[in-house]
């Protein structure tokens, strides 16, 4: 059993990509970024262009670190909502980072519980590879739907290493889903969902970022 399987715990058929061991994931996140988590996720907030007054949605929010930074950038009049399919993860996010303008809800990316055009910005970090492939297109369509015209999206996911040894280590520790994560498909899938001005970049050693705008 690899680390990814341990973090996911018992599979929930209603949310097959959900991570159940929330506190372990939070500890792993702190360790993995080696003191640069705020810097890295702060860059994501900057790339997304979160500004004071914005309404932000974080899809696959996990323990809510990116959500909280987005809420901070949207202050004083804006807000951020984090959505995750894992009830334990949402509970941990509320415990650690819930505030007046930073809230968390249980929900799936392919069935977002929000009216059309609710948000100015949608963000997501290290979550796309957890969305089952058969509903990933629907999830991108939902992100498009809940954004207002002119709204912005930033998706950041794990960029697999290219070296044979490093790929082997990632596969052994995190599983094939991360070792073979097809991040090159994100941009064309966003375009298929209706987004425009799609661009790609890297943040840090292993984050592949895709930015786009809803026309």
N, C-alpha and C. Protein backbone atom coordinates (compact mmCIF):
# COMPACT_ATOMS: atom_id res chain seq x y z
N UNK A 1 0.85 -1.20 0.00
CA UNK A 1 0.00 0.00 0.00
C UNK A 1 0.88 1.24 0.00
N UNK A 2 0.65 2.17 -0.95
CA UNK A 2 1.47 3.37 -1.01
C UNK A 2 0.86 4.50 -0.18
N UNK A 3 1.58 5.61 -0.12
CA UNK A 3 1.14 6.74 0.70
C UNK A 3 -0.20 7.28 0.23
N UNK A 4 -0.38 7.37 -1.06
CA UNK A 4 -1.65 7.88 -1.58
C UNK A 4 -2.83 7.04 -1.13
N UNK A 5 -2.68 5.72 -1.17
CA UNK A 5 -3.75 4.83 -0.73
C UNK A 5 -4.03 4.99 0.77
N UNK A 6 -2.97 5.16 1.55
CA UNK A 6 -3.15 5.37 2.99
C UNK A 6 -3.92 6.65 3.28
N UNK A 7 -3.59 7.73 2.56
CA UNK A 7 -4.28 9.00 2.79
C UNK A 7 -5.74 8.93 2.37
N UNK A 8 -6.02 8.21 1.30
CA UNK A 8 -7.40 8.13 0.83
C UNK A 8 -8.26 7.32 1.79
N UNK A 9 -7.68 6.31 2.45
CA UNK A 9 -8.45 5.51 3.38
C UNK A 9 -9.50 4.68 2.66
N UNK A 10 -10.57 4.35 3.36
CA UNK A 10 -11.64 3.54 2.79
C UNK A 10 -12.34 4.33 1.69
N UNK A 11 -12.48 3.71 0.52
CA UNK A 11 -13.05 4.38 -0.64
C UNK A 11 -14.53 4.69 -0.43
N UNK A 12 -14.89 5.93 -0.70
CA UNK A 12 -16.28 6.36 -0.65
C UNK A 12 -16.84 6.32 -2.06
N UNK A 13 -17.80 5.42 -2.37
CA UNK A 13 -18.31 5.32 -3.74
C UNK A 13 -18.97 6.60 -4.23
N UNK A 14 -19.43 7.45 -3.30
CA UNK A 14 -20.05 8.72 -3.70
C UNK A 14 -19.01 9.75 -4.11
N UNK A 15 -17.77 9.57 -3.63
CA UNK A 15 -16.69 10.51 -3.94
C UNK A 15 -15.39 9.72 -3.98
N UNK A 16 -15.15 8.98 -5.08
CA UNK A 16 -14.01 8.06 -5.14
C UNK A 16 -12.65 8.72 -5.04
N UNK A 17 -12.53 10.03 -5.32
CA UNK A 17 -11.24 10.69 -5.24
C UNK A 17 -10.97 11.34 -3.90
N UNK A 18 -11.90 11.23 -2.96
CA UNK A 18 -11.79 11.96 -1.69
C UNK A 18 -10.70 11.38 -0.79
N UNK A 19 -9.99 12.27 -0.11
CA UNK A 19 -8.98 11.88 0.88
C UNK A 19 -9.63 11.93 2.26
N UNK A 20 -9.58 10.82 2.98
CA UNK A 20 -10.28 10.73 4.26
C UNK A 20 -9.42 11.10 5.46
N UNK A 21 -8.10 10.92 5.35
CA UNK A 21 -7.22 11.18 6.50
C UNK A 21 -6.72 12.62 6.43
N UNK A 22 -7.57 13.53 6.90
CA UNK A 22 -7.33 14.96 6.71
C UNK A 22 -6.13 15.47 7.49
N UNK A 23 -6.00 15.09 8.74
CA UNK A 23 -4.89 15.61 9.55
C UNK A 23 -3.54 15.10 9.03
N UNK A 24 -3.52 13.86 8.57
CA UNK A 24 -2.29 13.33 7.99
C UNK A 24 -1.93 14.09 6.72
N UNK A 25 -2.92 14.42 5.91
CA UNK A 25 -2.67 15.18 4.68
C UNK A 25 -2.13 16.57 5.00
N UNK A 26 -2.70 17.22 6.01
CA UNK A 26 -2.22 18.55 6.40
C UNK A 26 -0.76 18.48 6.84
N UNK A 27 -0.41 17.46 7.63
CA UNK A 27 0.97 17.30 8.07
C UNK A 27 1.89 17.04 6.88
N UNK A 28 1.46 16.21 5.95
CA UNK A 28 2.26 15.93 4.75
C UNK A 28 2.47 17.20 3.94
N UNK A 29 1.44 18.04 3.82
CA UNK A 29 1.55 19.28 3.06
C UNK A 29 2.58 20.21 3.69
N UNK A 30 2.55 20.33 4.99
CA UNK A 30 3.53 21.17 5.69
C UNK A 30 4.94 20.66 5.42
N UNK A 31 5.11 19.35 5.50
CA UNK A 31 6.44 18.74 5.32
C UNK A 31 6.92 18.86 3.87
N UNK A 32 6.02 18.59 2.93
CA UNK A 32 6.42 18.53 1.52
C UNK A 32 6.92 19.86 0.99
N UNK A 33 6.35 20.96 1.50
CA UNK A 33 6.74 22.27 0.99
C UNK A 33 7.93 22.87 1.73
N UNK A 34 8.41 22.18 2.74
CA UNK A 34 9.68 22.53 3.40
C UNK A 34 9.80 24.02 3.72
N UNK A 35 8.77 24.57 4.34
CA UNK A 35 8.83 25.97 4.75
C UNK A 35 8.46 26.96 3.67
N UNK A 36 8.10 26.49 2.48
CA UNK A 36 7.78 27.40 1.37
C UNK A 36 6.30 27.30 0.95
N UNK A 37 5.48 26.76 1.82
CA UNK A 37 4.08 26.59 1.44
C UNK A 37 3.40 27.94 1.23
N UNK A 38 3.59 28.88 2.15
CA UNK A 38 2.93 30.18 1.98
C UNK A 38 3.44 30.88 0.73
N UNK A 39 4.73 30.81 0.46
CA UNK A 39 5.29 31.45 -0.73
C UNK A 39 4.68 30.82 -1.99
N UNK A 40 4.62 29.49 -2.02
CA UNK A 40 4.13 28.80 -3.21
C UNK A 40 2.65 29.08 -3.45
N UNK A 41 1.84 28.93 -2.43
CA UNK A 41 0.41 29.14 -2.60
C UNK A 41 0.07 30.62 -2.75
N UNK A 42 0.91 31.48 -2.17
CA UNK A 42 0.74 32.91 -2.40
C UNK A 42 0.93 33.25 -3.87
N UNK A 43 1.87 32.58 -4.53
CA UNK A 43 2.06 32.79 -5.97
C UNK A 43 0.84 32.36 -6.75
N UNK A 44 0.18 31.28 -6.31
CA UNK A 44 -1.03 30.84 -6.99
C UNK A 44 -2.14 31.89 -6.87
N UNK A 45 -2.28 32.45 -5.69
CA UNK A 45 -3.28 33.50 -5.49
C UNK A 45 -2.97 34.69 -6.39
N UNK A 46 -1.68 35.04 -6.50
CA UNK A 46 -1.28 36.13 -7.37
C UNK A 46 -1.54 35.83 -8.83
N UNK A 47 -1.23 34.62 -9.28
CA UNK A 47 -1.49 34.23 -10.67
C UNK A 47 -2.97 34.25 -10.99
N UNK A 48 -3.80 33.91 -10.00
CA UNK A 48 -5.25 33.92 -10.21
C UNK A 48 -5.80 35.34 -10.24
N UNK A 49 -5.00 36.30 -9.78
CA UNK A 49 -5.43 37.69 -9.80
C UNK A 49 -6.49 38.02 -8.77
N UNK A 50 -6.48 37.30 -7.63
CA UNK A 50 -7.48 37.58 -6.59
C UNK A 50 -7.26 38.99 -6.05
N UNK A 51 -8.33 39.76 -6.01
CA UNK A 51 -8.26 41.16 -5.60
C UNK A 51 -9.31 41.43 -4.53
N UNK A 52 -9.13 42.52 -3.75
CA UNK A 52 -10.13 42.87 -2.74
C UNK A 52 -11.53 42.95 -3.33
N UNK A 53 -12.47 42.33 -2.65
CA UNK A 53 -13.85 42.33 -3.11
C UNK A 53 -14.25 41.14 -3.93
N UNK A 54 -13.28 40.31 -4.37
CA UNK A 54 -13.59 39.15 -5.20
C UNK A 54 -14.31 38.06 -4.39
N UNK A 55 -15.16 37.34 -5.09
CA UNK A 55 -15.77 36.12 -4.55
C UNK A 55 -15.02 34.95 -5.18
N UNK A 56 -14.38 34.13 -4.34
CA UNK A 56 -13.48 33.08 -4.81
C UNK A 56 -14.02 31.71 -4.43
N UNK A 57 -13.91 30.76 -5.35
CA UNK A 57 -14.24 29.36 -5.09
C UNK A 57 -12.98 28.53 -5.24
N UNK A 58 -12.67 27.73 -4.22
CA UNK A 58 -11.54 26.80 -4.27
C UNK A 58 -12.11 25.39 -4.39
N UNK A 59 -11.87 24.75 -5.53
CA UNK A 59 -12.42 23.42 -5.80
C UNK A 59 -11.40 22.35 -5.40
N UNK A 60 -11.85 21.41 -4.57
CA UNK A 60 -10.93 20.41 -4.03
C UNK A 60 -10.02 21.06 -3.00
N UNK A 61 -10.63 21.78 -2.07
CA UNK A 61 -9.87 22.67 -1.17
C UNK A 61 -9.02 21.95 -0.16
N UNK A 62 -9.27 20.67 0.08
CA UNK A 62 -8.48 19.96 1.09
C UNK A 62 -8.59 20.63 2.44
N UNK A 63 -7.48 20.79 3.16
CA UNK A 63 -7.54 21.43 4.48
C UNK A 63 -7.62 22.94 4.43
N UNK A 64 -7.77 23.52 3.24
CA UNK A 64 -8.14 24.92 3.13
C UNK A 64 -7.03 25.94 3.12
N UNK A 65 -5.79 25.53 2.88
CA UNK A 65 -4.70 26.50 2.93
C UNK A 65 -4.82 27.54 1.82
N UNK A 66 -5.03 27.09 0.59
CA UNK A 66 -5.17 28.04 -0.52
C UNK A 66 -6.43 28.88 -0.35
N UNK A 67 -7.50 28.27 0.13
CA UNK A 67 -8.74 29.01 0.36
C UNK A 67 -8.52 30.18 1.30
N UNK A 68 -7.80 29.92 2.39
CA UNK A 68 -7.57 30.96 3.39
C UNK A 68 -6.72 32.10 2.82
N UNK A 69 -5.71 31.78 2.01
CA UNK A 69 -4.90 32.84 1.40
C UNK A 69 -5.72 33.65 0.40
N UNK A 70 -6.61 32.97 -0.32
CA UNK A 70 -7.48 33.68 -1.26
C UNK A 70 -8.44 34.60 -0.50
N UNK A 71 -8.96 34.13 0.62
CA UNK A 71 -9.85 34.97 1.43
C UNK A 71 -9.12 36.19 1.95
N UNK A 72 -7.87 35.99 2.34
CA UNK A 72 -7.04 37.10 2.82
C UNK A 72 -6.84 38.14 1.71
N UNK A 73 -6.57 37.66 0.49
CA UNK A 73 -6.36 38.59 -0.63
C UNK A 73 -7.65 39.29 -1.05
N UNK A 74 -8.79 38.64 -0.82
CA UNK A 74 -10.08 39.21 -1.20
C UNK A 74 -10.64 40.16 -0.15
N UNK A 75 -10.03 40.20 1.02
CA UNK A 75 -10.50 41.07 2.11
C UNK A 75 -10.35 42.54 1.70
N UNK A 76 -11.14 43.45 2.30
CA UNK A 76 -12.08 43.20 3.40
C UNK A 76 -13.49 42.85 2.95
N UNK A 77 -13.83 43.09 1.69
CA UNK A 77 -15.23 42.92 1.28
C UNK A 77 -15.49 41.64 0.50
N UNK A 78 -14.43 40.91 0.14
CA UNK A 78 -14.60 39.68 -0.61
C UNK A 78 -14.64 38.47 0.30
N UNK A 79 -14.70 37.29 -0.31
CA UNK A 79 -14.78 36.05 0.46
C UNK A 79 -14.27 34.88 -0.37
N UNK A 80 -14.01 33.78 0.31
CA UNK A 80 -13.60 32.55 -0.37
C UNK A 80 -14.35 31.37 0.23
N UNK A 81 -14.76 30.46 -0.65
CA UNK A 81 -15.45 29.24 -0.25
C UNK A 81 -14.63 28.06 -0.76
N UNK A 82 -14.33 27.12 0.12
CA UNK A 82 -13.63 25.91 -0.27
C UNK A 82 -14.59 24.75 -0.33
N UNK A 83 -14.54 23.98 -1.41
CA UNK A 83 -15.41 22.81 -1.58
C UNK A 83 -14.55 21.57 -1.70
N UNK A 84 -14.92 20.51 -0.98
CA UNK A 84 -14.17 19.26 -1.05
C UNK A 84 -15.15 18.10 -0.83
N UNK A 85 -14.93 16.96 -1.52
CA UNK A 85 -15.85 15.84 -1.36
C UNK A 85 -15.69 15.08 -0.05
N UNK A 86 -14.59 15.33 0.68
CA UNK A 86 -14.30 14.59 1.91
C UNK A 86 -14.84 15.33 3.13
N UNK A 87 -15.75 14.72 3.85
CA UNK A 87 -16.28 15.34 5.07
C UNK A 87 -15.19 15.55 6.12
N UNK A 88 -14.28 14.58 6.35
CA UNK A 88 -13.20 14.84 7.30
C UNK A 88 -12.32 16.01 6.88
N UNK A 89 -12.08 16.16 5.58
CA UNK A 89 -11.23 17.26 5.11
C UNK A 89 -11.93 18.60 5.34
N UNK A 90 -13.22 18.67 5.07
CA UNK A 90 -13.96 19.90 5.30
C UNK A 90 -13.99 20.24 6.78
N UNK A 91 -14.15 19.23 7.63
CA UNK A 91 -14.12 19.48 9.07
C UNK A 91 -12.79 20.03 9.53
N UNK A 92 -11.69 19.48 8.99
CA UNK A 92 -10.36 19.97 9.35
C UNK A 92 -10.14 21.39 8.85
N UNK A 93 -10.61 21.68 7.63
CA UNK A 93 -10.46 23.03 7.08
C UNK A 93 -11.23 24.04 7.93
N UNK A 94 -12.43 23.68 8.33
CA UNK A 94 -13.21 24.59 9.19
C UNK A 94 -12.51 24.82 10.52
N UNK A 95 -11.95 23.75 11.08
CA UNK A 95 -11.27 23.86 12.37
C UNK A 95 -10.04 24.75 12.29
N UNK A 96 -9.27 24.58 11.23
CA UNK A 96 -8.00 25.30 11.11
C UNK A 96 -8.15 26.71 10.55
N UNK A 97 -9.09 26.88 9.59
CA UNK A 97 -9.05 28.11 8.79
C UNK A 97 -10.39 28.77 8.54
N UNK A 98 -11.45 28.27 9.13
CA UNK A 98 -12.74 28.90 8.96
C UNK A 98 -12.77 30.28 9.59
N UNK A 99 -13.40 31.22 8.92
CA UNK A 99 -13.52 32.59 9.45
C UNK A 99 -14.73 33.25 8.82
N UNK A 100 -14.93 34.52 9.15
CA UNK A 100 -16.11 35.23 8.65
C UNK A 100 -16.16 35.28 7.13
N UNK A 101 -15.00 35.37 6.48
CA UNK A 101 -15.01 35.44 5.01
C UNK A 101 -14.34 34.24 4.36
N UNK A 102 -14.17 33.15 5.13
CA UNK A 102 -13.53 31.93 4.61
C UNK A 102 -14.33 30.74 5.13
N UNK A 103 -15.11 30.10 4.24
CA UNK A 103 -15.98 29.01 4.65
C UNK A 103 -15.72 27.77 3.81
N UNK A 104 -16.24 26.64 4.28
CA UNK A 104 -15.97 25.36 3.63
C UNK A 104 -17.25 24.53 3.57
N UNK A 105 -17.41 23.82 2.45
CA UNK A 105 -18.61 23.01 2.24
C UNK A 105 -18.22 21.68 1.61
N UNK A 106 -18.98 20.65 1.91
CA UNK A 106 -18.82 19.36 1.26
C UNK A 106 -19.48 19.44 -0.11
N UNK A 107 -18.75 19.03 -1.13
CA UNK A 107 -19.31 19.07 -2.48
C UNK A 107 -18.35 18.50 -3.49
N UNK A 108 -18.87 18.12 -4.65
CA UNK A 108 -18.07 17.52 -5.71
C UNK A 108 -17.88 18.49 -6.85
N UNK A 109 -16.72 18.44 -7.48
CA UNK A 109 -16.38 19.37 -8.55
C UNK A 109 -17.34 19.27 -9.72
N UNK A 110 -17.85 18.08 -9.98
CA UNK A 110 -18.72 17.88 -11.14
C UNK A 110 -20.18 18.23 -10.84
N UNK A 111 -20.47 18.66 -9.62
CA UNK A 111 -21.85 19.02 -9.25
C UNK A 111 -21.81 20.15 -8.22
N UNK A 112 -21.31 21.31 -8.62
CA UNK A 112 -21.14 22.42 -7.69
C UNK A 112 -22.50 23.01 -7.30
N UNK A 113 -22.67 23.24 -6.02
CA UNK A 113 -23.93 23.76 -5.49
C UNK A 113 -23.87 25.28 -5.41
N UNK A 114 -23.92 25.91 -6.57
CA UNK A 114 -23.86 27.38 -6.64
C UNK A 114 -24.58 27.83 -7.90
N UNK A 115 -25.27 28.97 -7.86
CA UNK A 115 -25.94 29.48 -9.06
C UNK A 115 -24.94 29.90 -10.13
N UNK A 116 -25.41 30.02 -11.35
CA UNK A 116 -24.59 30.50 -12.46
C UNK A 116 -24.00 31.87 -12.12
N UNK A 117 -22.73 32.06 -12.47
CA UNK A 117 -22.10 33.38 -12.35
C UNK A 117 -21.90 33.86 -10.93
N UNK A 118 -21.77 32.95 -9.98
CA UNK A 118 -21.64 33.35 -8.58
C UNK A 118 -20.27 33.94 -8.25
N UNK A 119 -19.21 33.44 -8.88
CA UNK A 119 -17.85 33.76 -8.46
C UNK A 119 -17.07 34.59 -9.48
N UNK A 120 -16.12 35.36 -8.93
CA UNK A 120 -15.19 36.13 -9.77
C UNK A 120 -13.97 35.32 -10.14
N UNK A 121 -13.58 34.40 -9.26
CA UNK A 121 -12.36 33.60 -9.44
C UNK A 121 -12.63 32.17 -8.98
N UNK A 122 -12.14 31.20 -9.75
CA UNK A 122 -12.10 29.80 -9.32
C UNK A 122 -10.64 29.38 -9.27
N UNK A 123 -10.25 28.75 -8.17
CA UNK A 123 -8.89 28.22 -8.04
C UNK A 123 -8.98 26.75 -7.64
N UNK A 124 -7.90 26.03 -7.88
CA UNK A 124 -7.80 24.64 -7.46
C UNK A 124 -6.34 24.25 -7.44
N UNK A 125 -5.92 23.57 -6.37
CA UNK A 125 -4.51 23.17 -6.28
C UNK A 125 -4.41 21.69 -5.89
N UNK A 126 -3.64 20.96 -6.65
CA UNK A 126 -3.35 19.55 -6.38
C UNK A 126 -4.64 18.73 -6.20
N UNK A 127 -5.64 19.07 -7.00
CA UNK A 127 -6.93 18.40 -6.86
C UNK A 127 -7.43 17.78 -8.16
N UNK A 128 -7.01 18.30 -9.31
CA UNK A 128 -7.55 17.81 -10.57
C UNK A 128 -7.32 16.31 -10.73
N UNK A 129 -6.15 15.82 -10.33
CA UNK A 129 -5.88 14.39 -10.51
C UNK A 129 -6.72 13.51 -9.59
N UNK A 130 -7.38 14.10 -8.60
CA UNK A 130 -8.29 13.35 -7.75
C UNK A 130 -9.70 13.26 -8.33
N UNK A 131 -10.01 14.11 -9.31
CA UNK A 131 -11.34 14.08 -9.94
C UNK A 131 -11.37 12.89 -10.91
N UNK A 132 -12.30 11.95 -10.75
CA UNK A 132 -12.34 10.80 -11.68
C UNK A 132 -12.37 11.26 -13.13
N UNK A 133 -11.62 10.57 -13.97
CA UNK A 133 -11.49 10.98 -15.36
C UNK A 133 -12.83 11.05 -16.09
N UNK A 134 -13.76 10.18 -15.73
CA UNK A 134 -15.03 10.15 -16.46
C UNK A 134 -15.93 11.34 -16.14
N UNK A 135 -15.60 12.12 -15.09
CA UNK A 135 -16.40 13.32 -14.78
C UNK A 135 -15.55 14.59 -14.83
N UNK A 136 -14.30 14.48 -15.26
CA UNK A 136 -13.42 15.65 -15.25
C UNK A 136 -13.92 16.73 -16.21
N UNK A 137 -14.38 16.35 -17.38
CA UNK A 137 -14.93 17.33 -18.31
C UNK A 137 -16.14 18.04 -17.72
N UNK A 138 -17.00 17.27 -17.05
CA UNK A 138 -18.17 17.87 -16.41
C UNK A 138 -17.75 18.83 -15.31
N UNK A 139 -16.68 18.49 -14.58
CA UNK A 139 -16.18 19.36 -13.52
C UNK A 139 -15.71 20.70 -14.08
N UNK A 140 -14.98 20.67 -15.20
CA UNK A 140 -14.53 21.91 -15.81
C UNK A 140 -15.72 22.72 -16.32
N UNK A 141 -16.74 22.02 -16.80
CA UNK A 141 -17.95 22.71 -17.23
C UNK A 141 -18.66 23.39 -16.07
N UNK A 142 -18.65 22.77 -14.90
CA UNK A 142 -19.25 23.37 -13.72
C UNK A 142 -18.46 24.61 -13.27
N UNK A 143 -17.14 24.53 -13.34
CA UNK A 143 -16.32 25.69 -12.99
C UNK A 143 -16.62 26.86 -13.93
N UNK A 144 -16.81 26.55 -15.19
CA UNK A 144 -17.18 27.58 -16.16
C UNK A 144 -18.54 28.19 -15.81
N UNK A 145 -19.49 27.34 -15.46
CA UNK A 145 -20.85 27.79 -15.19
C UNK A 145 -20.91 28.75 -14.01
N UNK A 146 -20.19 28.44 -12.92
CA UNK A 146 -20.33 29.25 -11.70
C UNK A 146 -19.51 30.54 -11.74
N UNK A 147 -18.66 30.70 -12.76
CA UNK A 147 -17.92 31.95 -12.92
C UNK A 147 -18.77 32.99 -13.65
N UNK A 148 -18.60 34.24 -13.27
CA UNK A 148 -19.24 35.32 -14.02
C UNK A 148 -18.48 35.55 -15.33
N UNK A 149 -19.11 36.14 -16.33
CA UNK A 149 -18.38 36.52 -17.54
C UNK A 149 -17.19 37.43 -17.18
N UNK A 150 -16.04 37.12 -17.73
CA UNK A 150 -14.82 37.85 -17.38
C UNK A 150 -14.12 37.28 -16.17
N UNK A 151 -14.72 36.26 -15.54
CA UNK A 151 -14.11 35.63 -14.37
C UNK A 151 -12.89 34.80 -14.74
N UNK A 152 -12.04 34.56 -13.75
CA UNK A 152 -10.74 33.92 -13.98
C UNK A 152 -10.66 32.57 -13.28
N UNK A 153 -9.91 31.65 -13.88
CA UNK A 153 -9.69 30.35 -13.29
C UNK A 153 -8.20 30.05 -13.28
N UNK A 154 -7.74 29.44 -12.19
CA UNK A 154 -6.36 28.97 -12.10
C UNK A 154 -6.38 27.56 -11.53
N UNK A 155 -5.89 26.62 -12.32
CA UNK A 155 -5.77 25.23 -11.88
C UNK A 155 -4.30 24.88 -11.76
N UNK A 156 -3.88 24.39 -10.61
CA UNK A 156 -2.50 23.98 -10.39
C UNK A 156 -2.50 22.52 -9.97
N UNK A 157 -1.75 21.70 -10.67
CA UNK A 157 -1.71 20.28 -10.33
C UNK A 157 -0.28 19.77 -10.41
N UNK A 158 -0.09 18.56 -9.90
CA UNK A 158 1.24 17.97 -9.80
C UNK A 158 1.80 17.65 -11.18
N UNK A 159 2.98 18.17 -11.45
CA UNK A 159 3.67 17.90 -12.71
C UNK A 159 4.62 16.73 -12.50
N UNK A 160 4.35 15.59 -13.13
CA UNK A 160 5.18 14.40 -12.90
C UNK A 160 6.63 14.63 -13.31
N UNK A 161 7.57 14.05 -12.59
CA UNK A 161 8.98 14.16 -12.99
C UNK A 161 9.24 13.35 -14.26
N UNK A 162 10.33 13.67 -14.93
CA UNK A 162 10.65 12.96 -16.17
C UNK A 162 11.71 11.88 -15.98
N UNK A 163 12.56 12.03 -14.97
CA UNK A 163 13.61 11.05 -14.75
C UNK A 163 13.06 9.70 -14.33
N UNK A 164 13.67 8.63 -14.80
CA UNK A 164 13.17 7.29 -14.54
C UNK A 164 13.16 6.97 -13.05
N UNK A 165 14.23 7.30 -12.35
CA UNK A 165 14.31 6.99 -10.93
C UNK A 165 13.28 7.80 -10.13
N UNK A 166 13.19 9.09 -10.44
CA UNK A 166 12.24 9.93 -9.71
C UNK A 166 10.81 9.49 -9.98
N UNK A 167 10.52 9.14 -11.21
CA UNK A 167 9.19 8.65 -11.55
C UNK A 167 8.88 7.37 -10.78
N UNK A 168 9.86 6.50 -10.67
CA UNK A 168 9.67 5.26 -9.92
C UNK A 168 9.37 5.56 -8.45
N UNK A 169 10.11 6.50 -7.87
CA UNK A 169 9.89 6.84 -6.46
C UNK A 169 8.51 7.45 -6.24
N UNK A 170 8.08 8.32 -7.17
CA UNK A 170 6.75 8.91 -7.05
C UNK A 170 5.69 7.82 -7.17
N UNK A 171 5.88 6.89 -8.08
CA UNK A 171 4.92 5.81 -8.25
C UNK A 171 4.81 4.93 -7.01
N UNK A 172 5.95 4.63 -6.41
CA UNK A 172 5.97 3.77 -5.23
C UNK A 172 5.33 4.46 -4.03
N UNK A 173 5.64 5.76 -3.86
CA UNK A 173 5.17 6.47 -2.67
C UNK A 173 3.76 7.04 -2.83
N UNK A 174 3.45 7.61 -4.01
CA UNK A 174 2.18 8.31 -4.19
C UNK A 174 1.21 7.60 -5.11
N UNK A 175 1.71 6.67 -5.91
CA UNK A 175 0.83 5.92 -6.80
C UNK A 175 0.93 6.36 -8.25
N UNK A 176 0.37 5.54 -9.12
CA UNK A 176 0.44 5.79 -10.56
C UNK A 176 -0.29 7.05 -10.97
N UNK A 177 -1.33 7.42 -10.21
CA UNK A 177 -2.11 8.60 -10.56
C UNK A 177 -1.27 9.86 -10.59
N UNK A 178 -0.32 9.97 -9.67
CA UNK A 178 0.56 11.14 -9.66
C UNK A 178 1.76 10.92 -10.57
N UNK A 179 2.27 9.69 -10.62
CA UNK A 179 3.42 9.41 -11.49
C UNK A 179 3.10 9.70 -12.95
N UNK A 180 1.87 9.41 -13.37
CA UNK A 180 1.48 9.55 -14.78
C UNK A 180 0.45 10.66 -14.98
N UNK A 181 0.37 11.60 -14.06
CA UNK A 181 -0.65 12.64 -14.10
C UNK A 181 -0.59 13.41 -15.43
N UNK A 182 -1.64 13.37 -16.25
CA UNK A 182 -1.60 13.99 -17.59
C UNK A 182 -1.95 15.48 -17.55
N UNK A 183 -1.09 16.27 -16.97
CA UNK A 183 -1.39 17.70 -16.81
C UNK A 183 -1.50 18.42 -18.16
N UNK A 184 -0.93 17.84 -19.21
CA UNK A 184 -1.01 18.49 -20.52
C UNK A 184 -2.44 18.49 -21.07
N UNK A 185 -3.32 17.71 -20.47
CA UNK A 185 -4.71 17.67 -20.95
C UNK A 185 -5.57 18.78 -20.35
N UNK A 186 -5.08 19.43 -19.29
CA UNK A 186 -5.92 20.41 -18.59
C UNK A 186 -6.28 21.58 -19.49
N UNK A 187 -5.28 22.17 -20.14
CA UNK A 187 -5.53 23.34 -20.98
C UNK A 187 -6.54 23.07 -22.09
N UNK A 188 -6.38 21.99 -22.89
CA UNK A 188 -7.38 21.75 -23.94
C UNK A 188 -8.76 21.43 -23.39
N UNK A 189 -8.83 20.81 -22.21
CA UNK A 189 -10.13 20.52 -21.62
C UNK A 189 -10.82 21.80 -21.16
N UNK A 190 -10.04 22.77 -20.66
CA UNK A 190 -10.62 24.06 -20.29
C UNK A 190 -11.14 24.78 -21.53
N UNK A 191 -10.38 24.70 -22.62
CA UNK A 191 -10.84 25.31 -23.87
C UNK A 191 -12.13 24.66 -24.34
N UNK A 192 -12.21 23.33 -24.22
CA UNK A 192 -13.43 22.62 -24.61
C UNK A 192 -14.62 23.03 -23.75
N UNK A 193 -14.35 23.40 -22.49
CA UNK A 193 -15.42 23.82 -21.59
C UNK A 193 -15.91 25.23 -21.89
N UNK A 194 -15.18 25.96 -22.75
CA UNK A 194 -15.61 27.29 -23.14
C UNK A 194 -14.70 28.41 -22.72
N UNK A 195 -13.62 28.10 -21.98
CA UNK A 195 -12.70 29.13 -21.52
C UNK A 195 -11.85 29.66 -22.67
N UNK A 196 -11.41 30.91 -22.51
CA UNK A 196 -10.55 31.56 -23.49
C UNK A 196 -9.27 32.03 -22.82
N UNK A 197 -8.32 32.49 -23.63
CA UNK A 197 -7.04 33.03 -23.16
C UNK A 197 -6.37 32.04 -22.20
N UNK A 198 -6.28 30.80 -22.63
CA UNK A 198 -5.68 29.76 -21.80
C UNK A 198 -4.15 29.84 -21.89
N UNK A 199 -3.48 29.88 -20.72
CA UNK A 199 -2.01 29.92 -20.71
C UNK A 199 -1.50 28.97 -19.64
N UNK A 200 -0.27 28.50 -19.83
CA UNK A 200 0.33 27.52 -18.91
C UNK A 200 1.64 28.06 -18.36
N UNK A 201 1.94 27.66 -17.11
CA UNK A 201 3.20 28.08 -16.48
C UNK A 201 3.54 27.08 -15.38
N UNK A 202 4.71 27.28 -14.77
CA UNK A 202 5.14 26.44 -13.66
C UNK A 202 5.34 27.29 -12.43
N UNK A 203 5.02 26.70 -11.28
CA UNK A 203 5.31 27.32 -9.99
C UNK A 203 6.08 26.31 -9.17
N UNK A 204 7.26 26.68 -8.75
CA UNK A 204 8.09 25.76 -7.99
C UNK A 204 8.55 24.59 -8.83
N UNK A 205 8.93 23.52 -8.15
CA UNK A 205 9.52 22.38 -8.84
C UNK A 205 8.48 21.45 -9.45
N UNK A 206 7.24 21.45 -8.93
CA UNK A 206 6.34 20.40 -9.38
C UNK A 206 4.89 20.85 -9.59
N UNK A 207 4.63 22.14 -9.69
CA UNK A 207 3.25 22.57 -9.95
C UNK A 207 3.11 23.06 -11.39
N UNK A 208 2.21 22.46 -12.11
CA UNK A 208 1.85 22.88 -13.46
C UNK A 208 0.58 23.71 -13.35
N UNK A 209 0.62 24.95 -13.82
CA UNK A 209 -0.50 25.87 -13.65
C UNK A 209 -1.13 26.23 -14.99
N UNK A 210 -2.43 26.28 -15.00
CA UNK A 210 -3.17 26.68 -16.19
C UNK A 210 -4.12 27.80 -15.81
N UNK A 211 -4.01 28.93 -16.51
CA UNK A 211 -4.88 30.09 -16.27
C UNK A 211 -5.78 30.28 -17.48
N UNK A 212 -7.01 30.73 -17.22
CA UNK A 212 -7.95 30.99 -18.32
C UNK A 212 -9.00 31.99 -17.84
N UNK A 213 -9.76 32.49 -18.82
CA UNK A 213 -10.79 33.50 -18.55
C UNK A 213 -12.09 33.03 -19.18
N UNK A 214 -13.20 33.29 -18.50
CA UNK A 214 -14.50 33.02 -19.09
C UNK A 214 -14.91 34.21 -19.95
N UNK A 215 -15.16 34.03 -21.24
CA UNK A 215 -15.52 35.15 -22.11
C UNK A 215 -16.79 35.88 -21.63
